[in-house]
Amino acid sequence: MRQKVKLTTLRHRWTVHRGKSAEQKDLIFRVERSHPLEMKARLEVFLAENNDDDSRFELVKTYSDLCCRVYRGDCVIAQVTEGLPTRSFFKRKESFRVKINEGVDYAFIFALLAIFTVNDFI
C-alpha cells in the first residue's frame, strides 16, 4: 500500500499493488478518502480491472452508532463496530467487532480497514 496526498483537495489517496511492485500493471485497487470536512468519513474504492457500478465499493463511518460499513453498490458486505476501550496498567487496548458476509474476501476488507485506521477514522 502506498499513500499519496493531493494538497489542493486535501484528499488522501492510496494505491494497493501485488507484492512490492509499484507498476500500473500490478495495481489491485485504489482508494480515495472523502474531504475532511464532510460529516461522514468515507473511502471510495476503485478496482483496477472493473469500471462498472457493480464493482463499486465504499467504506462509510457513522459517528452516531460508532460503526463503519463496507458497501458493494447498495449492499452492506462488512461491518465494524467499535467496542469500549479497555485499560490495563501499562497500555490501552482498543477493541473492534468485525462482521464479514459470506463470499467476501477477508484480505480486501482488512486492507480497507488498515487504510481507514491509518487515517485516524475509527
N, C-alpha and C. Protein backbone atom coordinates (compact mmCIF):
# COMPACT_ATOMS: atom_id res chain seq x y z
N MET A 1 0.85 -1.18 0.00
CA MET A 1 0.00 0.00 0.00
C MET A 1 0.89 1.23 0.00
N ARG A 2 0.51 2.21 -0.79
CA ARG A 2 1.25 3.46 -0.85
C ARG A 2 0.26 4.62 -0.74
N GLN A 3 0.63 5.62 0.03
CA GLN A 3 -0.24 6.77 0.22
C GLN A 3 0.25 7.93 -0.63
N LYS A 4 -0.72 8.66 -1.18
CA LYS A 4 -0.45 9.90 -1.92
C LYS A 4 -1.43 10.93 -1.39
N VAL A 5 -0.97 12.17 -1.23
CA VAL A 5 -1.86 13.23 -0.75
C VAL A 5 -1.92 14.31 -1.81
N LYS A 6 -3.12 14.69 -2.20
CA LYS A 6 -3.32 15.78 -3.14
C LYS A 6 -3.65 17.02 -2.33
N LEU A 7 -2.71 17.94 -2.24
CA LEU A 7 -2.85 19.10 -1.36
C LEU A 7 -3.96 20.06 -1.77
N THR A 8 -4.29 20.12 -3.04
CA THR A 8 -5.32 21.08 -3.47
C THR A 8 -6.71 20.69 -2.99
N THR A 9 -6.97 19.39 -2.80
CA THR A 9 -8.30 18.96 -2.36
C THR A 9 -8.28 18.35 -0.96
N LEU A 10 -7.13 18.17 -0.37
CA LEU A 10 -6.95 17.53 0.94
C LEU A 10 -7.46 16.09 0.96
N ARG A 11 -7.51 15.45 -0.18
CA ARG A 11 -7.97 14.06 -0.26
C ARG A 11 -6.77 13.14 -0.27
N HIS A 12 -6.77 12.21 0.64
CA HIS A 12 -5.72 11.20 0.68
C HIS A 12 -6.07 10.11 -0.32
N ARG A 13 -5.07 9.63 -1.04
CA ARG A 13 -5.26 8.54 -2.00
C ARG A 13 -4.27 7.44 -1.68
N TRP A 14 -4.75 6.22 -1.80
CA TRP A 14 -3.91 5.04 -1.57
C TRP A 14 -3.98 4.17 -2.81
N THR A 15 -2.86 3.51 -3.12
CA THR A 15 -2.86 2.50 -4.17
C THR A 15 -2.36 1.20 -3.57
N VAL A 16 -2.98 0.11 -3.95
CA VAL A 16 -2.60 -1.21 -3.45
C VAL A 16 -2.18 -2.06 -4.65
N HIS A 17 -0.94 -2.56 -4.59
CA HIS A 17 -0.36 -3.34 -5.69
C HIS A 17 -0.04 -4.76 -5.23
N ARG A 18 0.15 -5.65 -6.18
CA ARG A 18 0.61 -7.02 -5.88
C ARG A 18 2.07 -6.97 -5.46
N GLY A 19 2.39 -7.68 -4.40
CA GLY A 19 3.78 -7.76 -3.95
C GLY A 19 4.34 -6.40 -3.60
N LYS A 20 5.62 -6.20 -3.94
CA LYS A 20 6.28 -4.93 -3.64
C LYS A 20 6.31 -4.00 -4.85
N SER A 21 5.60 -4.36 -5.88
CA SER A 21 5.59 -3.59 -7.12
C SER A 21 4.87 -2.27 -6.95
N ALA A 22 5.26 -1.30 -7.76
CA ALA A 22 4.55 -0.02 -7.81
C ALA A 22 4.10 0.26 -9.24
N GLU A 23 4.18 -0.74 -10.10
CA GLU A 23 3.82 -0.57 -11.50
C GLU A 23 2.31 -0.64 -11.70
N GLN A 24 1.85 0.06 -12.71
CA GLN A 24 0.41 0.13 -13.00
C GLN A 24 -0.17 -1.25 -13.32
N LYS A 25 0.60 -2.12 -13.95
CA LYS A 25 0.09 -3.45 -14.31
C LYS A 25 -0.17 -4.33 -13.09
N ASP A 26 0.44 -4.01 -11.95
CA ASP A 26 0.26 -4.78 -10.72
C ASP A 26 -0.73 -4.13 -9.75
N LEU A 27 -1.40 -3.08 -10.19
CA LEU A 27 -2.37 -2.40 -9.34
C LEU A 27 -3.58 -3.30 -9.10
N ILE A 28 -3.98 -3.45 -7.82
CA ILE A 28 -5.17 -4.22 -7.46
C ILE A 28 -6.37 -3.28 -7.30
N PHE A 29 -6.19 -2.25 -6.46
CA PHE A 29 -7.24 -1.24 -6.31
C PHE A 29 -6.63 0.04 -5.80
N ARG A 30 -7.41 1.13 -5.92
CA ARG A 30 -7.00 2.42 -5.37
C ARG A 30 -8.14 2.94 -4.51
N VAL A 31 -7.79 3.77 -3.54
CA VAL A 31 -8.74 4.26 -2.56
C VAL A 31 -8.61 5.77 -2.46
N GLU A 32 -9.75 6.46 -2.38
CA GLU A 32 -9.78 7.91 -2.15
C GLU A 32 -10.59 8.19 -0.90
N ARG A 33 -10.05 9.01 -0.05
CA ARG A 33 -10.74 9.43 1.17
C ARG A 33 -11.61 10.64 0.89
N SER A 34 -12.74 10.73 1.57
CA SER A 34 -13.60 11.90 1.43
C SER A 34 -12.90 13.14 1.99
N HIS A 35 -13.44 14.29 1.67
CA HIS A 35 -12.89 15.54 2.18
C HIS A 35 -13.00 15.54 3.70
N PRO A 36 -11.99 16.03 4.42
CA PRO A 36 -12.01 16.01 5.89
C PRO A 36 -13.17 16.76 6.53
N LEU A 37 -13.79 17.69 5.84
CA LEU A 37 -14.87 18.47 6.43
C LEU A 37 -16.25 17.85 6.23
N GLU A 38 -16.34 16.73 5.50
CA GLU A 38 -17.63 16.06 5.32
C GLU A 38 -18.08 15.45 6.64
N MET A 39 -19.39 15.37 6.84
CA MET A 39 -19.93 14.84 8.09
C MET A 39 -19.67 13.35 8.27
N LYS A 40 -19.68 12.60 7.19
CA LYS A 40 -19.40 11.17 7.26
C LYS A 40 -18.04 10.90 6.63
N ALA A 41 -17.17 10.24 7.38
CA ALA A 41 -15.88 9.84 6.81
C ALA A 41 -16.15 8.71 5.83
N ARG A 42 -15.53 8.77 4.66
CA ARG A 42 -15.83 7.80 3.62
C ARG A 42 -14.59 7.50 2.79
N LEU A 43 -14.43 6.22 2.44
CA LEU A 43 -13.41 5.81 1.49
C LEU A 43 -14.12 5.29 0.25
N GLU A 44 -13.71 5.77 -0.91
CA GLU A 44 -14.22 5.25 -2.17
C GLU A 44 -13.16 4.33 -2.74
N VAL A 45 -13.57 3.13 -3.16
CA VAL A 45 -12.64 2.11 -3.64
C VAL A 45 -12.90 1.85 -5.11
N PHE A 46 -11.82 1.86 -5.89
CA PHE A 46 -11.90 1.63 -7.32
C PHE A 46 -11.01 0.44 -7.67
N LEU A 47 -11.63 -0.65 -8.14
CA LEU A 47 -10.86 -1.83 -8.56
C LEU A 47 -10.14 -1.53 -9.86
N ALA A 48 -8.96 -2.13 -10.03
CA ALA A 48 -8.16 -1.87 -11.23
C ALA A 48 -8.79 -2.46 -12.48
N GLU A 49 -9.38 -3.65 -12.37
CA GLU A 49 -9.88 -4.34 -13.56
C GLU A 49 -11.25 -3.86 -14.00
N ASN A 50 -12.11 -3.51 -13.08
CA ASN A 50 -13.51 -3.23 -13.40
C ASN A 50 -13.84 -1.76 -13.26
N ASN A 51 -14.69 -1.30 -14.15
CA ASN A 51 -15.15 0.09 -14.07
C ASN A 51 -16.66 0.21 -13.99
N ASP A 52 -17.36 -0.90 -13.79
CA ASP A 52 -18.82 -0.85 -13.74
C ASP A 52 -19.32 -0.58 -12.32
N ASP A 53 -20.59 -0.24 -12.19
CA ASP A 53 -21.17 0.11 -10.88
C ASP A 53 -21.25 -1.07 -9.93
N ASP A 54 -21.31 -2.30 -10.46
CA ASP A 54 -21.39 -3.49 -9.61
C ASP A 54 -20.12 -3.70 -8.80
N SER A 55 -19.00 -3.17 -9.27
CA SER A 55 -17.74 -3.34 -8.56
C SER A 55 -17.35 -2.09 -7.77
N ARG A 56 -18.32 -1.22 -7.50
CA ARG A 56 -18.07 -0.01 -6.72
C ARG A 56 -18.15 -0.34 -5.23
N PHE A 57 -17.14 0.03 -4.49
CA PHE A 57 -17.10 -0.22 -3.04
C PHE A 57 -16.94 1.11 -2.31
N GLU A 58 -17.53 1.18 -1.13
CA GLU A 58 -17.37 2.35 -0.25
C GLU A 58 -17.28 1.86 1.19
N LEU A 59 -16.45 2.53 1.97
CA LEU A 59 -16.40 2.29 3.41
C LEU A 59 -16.86 3.59 4.05
N VAL A 60 -17.93 3.53 4.83
CA VAL A 60 -18.55 4.73 5.42
C VAL A 60 -18.58 4.60 6.93
N LYS A 61 -18.08 5.63 7.61
CA LYS A 61 -18.08 5.68 9.07
C LYS A 61 -19.22 6.57 9.52
N THR A 62 -20.06 6.03 10.42
CA THR A 62 -21.12 6.85 11.01
C THR A 62 -20.77 7.08 12.48
N TYR A 63 -20.73 8.33 12.86
CA TYR A 63 -20.33 8.67 14.22
C TYR A 63 -21.45 8.43 15.23
N SER A 64 -22.69 8.42 14.76
CA SER A 64 -23.80 8.27 15.68
C SER A 64 -23.83 6.89 16.34
N ASP A 65 -23.49 5.84 15.59
CA ASP A 65 -23.51 4.50 16.19
C ASP A 65 -22.12 3.87 16.28
N LEU A 66 -21.06 4.67 16.13
CA LEU A 66 -19.67 4.22 16.25
C LEU A 66 -19.42 2.94 15.45
N CYS A 67 -19.77 3.00 14.20
CA CYS A 67 -19.65 1.83 13.35
C CYS A 67 -19.27 2.27 11.95
N CYS A 68 -18.61 1.40 11.23
CA CYS A 68 -18.38 1.67 9.81
C CYS A 68 -18.81 0.46 9.01
N ARG A 69 -19.28 0.73 7.81
CA ARG A 69 -19.81 -0.32 6.95
C ARG A 69 -19.11 -0.27 5.61
N VAL A 70 -18.90 -1.45 5.04
CA VAL A 70 -18.35 -1.55 3.70
C VAL A 70 -19.50 -1.93 2.77
N TYR A 71 -19.68 -1.12 1.74
CA TYR A 71 -20.77 -1.33 0.78
C TYR A 71 -20.20 -1.78 -0.56
N ARG A 72 -20.90 -2.70 -1.19
CA ARG A 72 -20.65 -3.03 -2.60
C ARG A 72 -21.92 -2.60 -3.32
N GLY A 73 -21.83 -1.50 -4.02
CA GLY A 73 -23.04 -0.90 -4.57
C GLY A 73 -23.89 -0.39 -3.43
N ASP A 74 -25.11 -0.92 -3.30
CA ASP A 74 -26.01 -0.52 -2.21
C ASP A 74 -26.09 -1.56 -1.09
N CYS A 75 -25.35 -2.64 -1.21
CA CYS A 75 -25.43 -3.76 -0.26
C CYS A 75 -24.27 -3.72 0.75
N VAL A 76 -24.58 -3.88 2.04
CA VAL A 76 -23.54 -3.93 3.07
C VAL A 76 -22.89 -5.31 3.03
N ILE A 77 -21.55 -5.35 2.85
CA ILE A 77 -20.84 -6.63 2.79
C ILE A 77 -19.98 -6.87 4.03
N ALA A 78 -19.73 -5.82 4.82
CA ALA A 78 -18.96 -5.96 6.06
C ALA A 78 -19.30 -4.80 6.98
N GLN A 79 -19.14 -5.05 8.28
CA GLN A 79 -19.44 -4.02 9.27
C GLN A 79 -18.45 -4.12 10.41
N VAL A 80 -17.98 -2.98 10.87
CA VAL A 80 -17.07 -2.92 12.02
C VAL A 80 -17.73 -2.09 13.10
N THR A 81 -17.84 -2.66 14.29
CA THR A 81 -18.43 -1.96 15.42
C THR A 81 -17.32 -1.71 16.44
N GLU A 82 -17.25 -0.49 16.90
CA GLU A 82 -16.22 -0.11 17.86
C GLU A 82 -16.65 -0.54 19.26
N GLY A 83 -15.77 -1.27 19.94
CA GLY A 83 -16.04 -1.67 21.31
C GLY A 83 -15.51 -0.63 22.28
N LEU A 84 -15.79 -0.83 23.54
CA LEU A 84 -15.28 0.10 24.54
C LEU A 84 -13.80 -0.16 24.77
N PRO A 85 -13.00 0.91 24.90
CA PRO A 85 -11.58 0.70 25.15
C PRO A 85 -11.36 0.12 26.55
N THR A 86 -10.41 -0.77 26.66
CA THR A 86 -10.05 -1.34 27.95
C THR A 86 -8.68 -0.83 28.33
N ARG A 87 -8.46 -0.67 29.60
CA ARG A 87 -7.17 -0.17 30.06
C ARG A 87 -6.54 -1.18 31.00
N SER A 88 -5.28 -1.43 30.76
CA SER A 88 -4.51 -2.15 31.75
C SER A 88 -3.58 -1.12 32.38
N PHE A 89 -2.75 -1.53 33.29
CA PHE A 89 -1.88 -0.58 33.98
C PHE A 89 -0.91 0.09 33.01
N PHE A 90 -0.42 -0.65 32.02
CA PHE A 90 0.63 -0.14 31.14
C PHE A 90 0.15 0.33 29.78
N LYS A 91 -0.94 -0.20 29.28
CA LYS A 91 -1.35 0.21 27.95
C LYS A 91 -2.86 0.16 27.78
N ARG A 92 -3.32 0.88 26.79
CA ARG A 92 -4.74 0.94 26.47
C ARG A 92 -4.98 0.06 25.25
N LYS A 93 -6.05 -0.70 25.27
CA LYS A 93 -6.37 -1.59 24.16
C LYS A 93 -7.71 -1.17 23.56
N GLU A 94 -7.75 -1.09 22.25
CA GLU A 94 -8.99 -0.82 21.52
C GLU A 94 -9.55 -2.16 21.06
N SER A 95 -10.85 -2.26 21.03
CA SER A 95 -11.45 -3.50 20.54
C SER A 95 -12.49 -3.17 19.47
N PHE A 96 -12.56 -4.04 18.48
CA PHE A 96 -13.50 -3.89 17.38
C PHE A 96 -14.14 -5.24 17.11
N ARG A 97 -15.36 -5.21 16.66
CA ARG A 97 -16.05 -6.41 16.22
C ARG A 97 -16.24 -6.27 14.72
N VAL A 98 -15.73 -7.24 13.96
CA VAL A 98 -15.81 -7.20 12.50
C VAL A 98 -16.72 -8.33 12.03
N LYS A 99 -17.72 -7.99 11.25
CA LYS A 99 -18.62 -8.98 10.66
C LYS A 99 -18.48 -8.88 9.15
N ILE A 100 -18.05 -9.97 8.52
CA ILE A 100 -17.85 -10.00 7.08
C ILE A 100 -18.81 -11.04 6.49
N ASN A 101 -19.57 -10.64 5.51
CA ASN A 101 -20.53 -11.55 4.89
C ASN A 101 -19.82 -12.69 4.15
N GLU A 102 -20.55 -13.76 3.98
CA GLU A 102 -20.03 -14.94 3.29
C GLU A 102 -19.71 -14.58 1.83
N GLY A 103 -18.59 -15.12 1.34
CA GLY A 103 -18.20 -14.89 -0.04
C GLY A 103 -17.41 -13.62 -0.27
N VAL A 104 -17.09 -12.89 0.78
CA VAL A 104 -16.34 -11.64 0.67
C VAL A 104 -14.88 -11.92 1.05
N ASP A 105 -13.95 -11.36 0.30
CA ASP A 105 -12.52 -11.56 0.53
C ASP A 105 -12.10 -10.84 1.82
N TYR A 106 -11.68 -11.62 2.81
CA TYR A 106 -11.28 -11.06 4.11
C TYR A 106 -10.08 -10.13 3.96
N ALA A 107 -9.11 -10.50 3.14
CA ALA A 107 -7.91 -9.68 2.97
C ALA A 107 -8.26 -8.31 2.40
N PHE A 108 -9.20 -8.25 1.48
CA PHE A 108 -9.64 -6.99 0.90
C PHE A 108 -10.25 -6.10 1.98
N ILE A 109 -11.13 -6.66 2.80
CA ILE A 109 -11.79 -5.89 3.86
C ILE A 109 -10.76 -5.39 4.87
N PHE A 110 -9.83 -6.25 5.27
CA PHE A 110 -8.84 -5.82 6.26
C PHE A 110 -7.86 -4.81 5.68
N ALA A 111 -7.58 -4.86 4.40
CA ALA A 111 -6.75 -3.83 3.77
C ALA A 111 -7.46 -2.48 3.83
N LEU A 112 -8.78 -2.47 3.56
CA LEU A 112 -9.55 -1.23 3.66
C LEU A 112 -9.57 -0.70 5.09
N LEU A 113 -9.73 -1.61 6.06
CA LEU A 113 -9.74 -1.19 7.47
C LEU A 113 -8.39 -0.65 7.90
N ALA A 114 -7.32 -1.23 7.40
CA ALA A 114 -5.97 -0.73 7.72
C ALA A 114 -5.80 0.69 7.19
N ILE A 115 -6.22 0.92 5.97
CA ILE A 115 -6.14 2.27 5.39
C ILE A 115 -7.02 3.23 6.19
N PHE A 116 -8.19 2.79 6.55
CA PHE A 116 -9.12 3.63 7.31
C PHE A 116 -8.54 4.01 8.67
N THR A 117 -7.97 3.06 9.39
CA THR A 117 -7.44 3.34 10.73
C THR A 117 -6.16 4.15 10.66
N VAL A 118 -5.36 4.01 9.62
CA VAL A 118 -4.17 4.82 9.47
C VAL A 118 -4.53 6.29 9.34
N ASN A 119 -5.67 6.55 8.73
CA ASN A 119 -6.14 7.92 8.57
C ASN A 119 -6.92 8.40 9.78
N ASP A 120 -6.83 7.69 10.91
CA ASP A 120 -7.46 8.09 12.17
C ASP A 120 -8.97 8.27 12.09
N PHE A 121 -9.66 7.37 11.41
CA PHE A 121 -11.11 7.47 11.30
C PHE A 121 -11.82 6.67 12.38
N ILE A 122 -11.34 5.49 12.68
CA ILE A 122 -12.06 4.62 13.61
C ILE A 122 -11.71 4.98 15.03
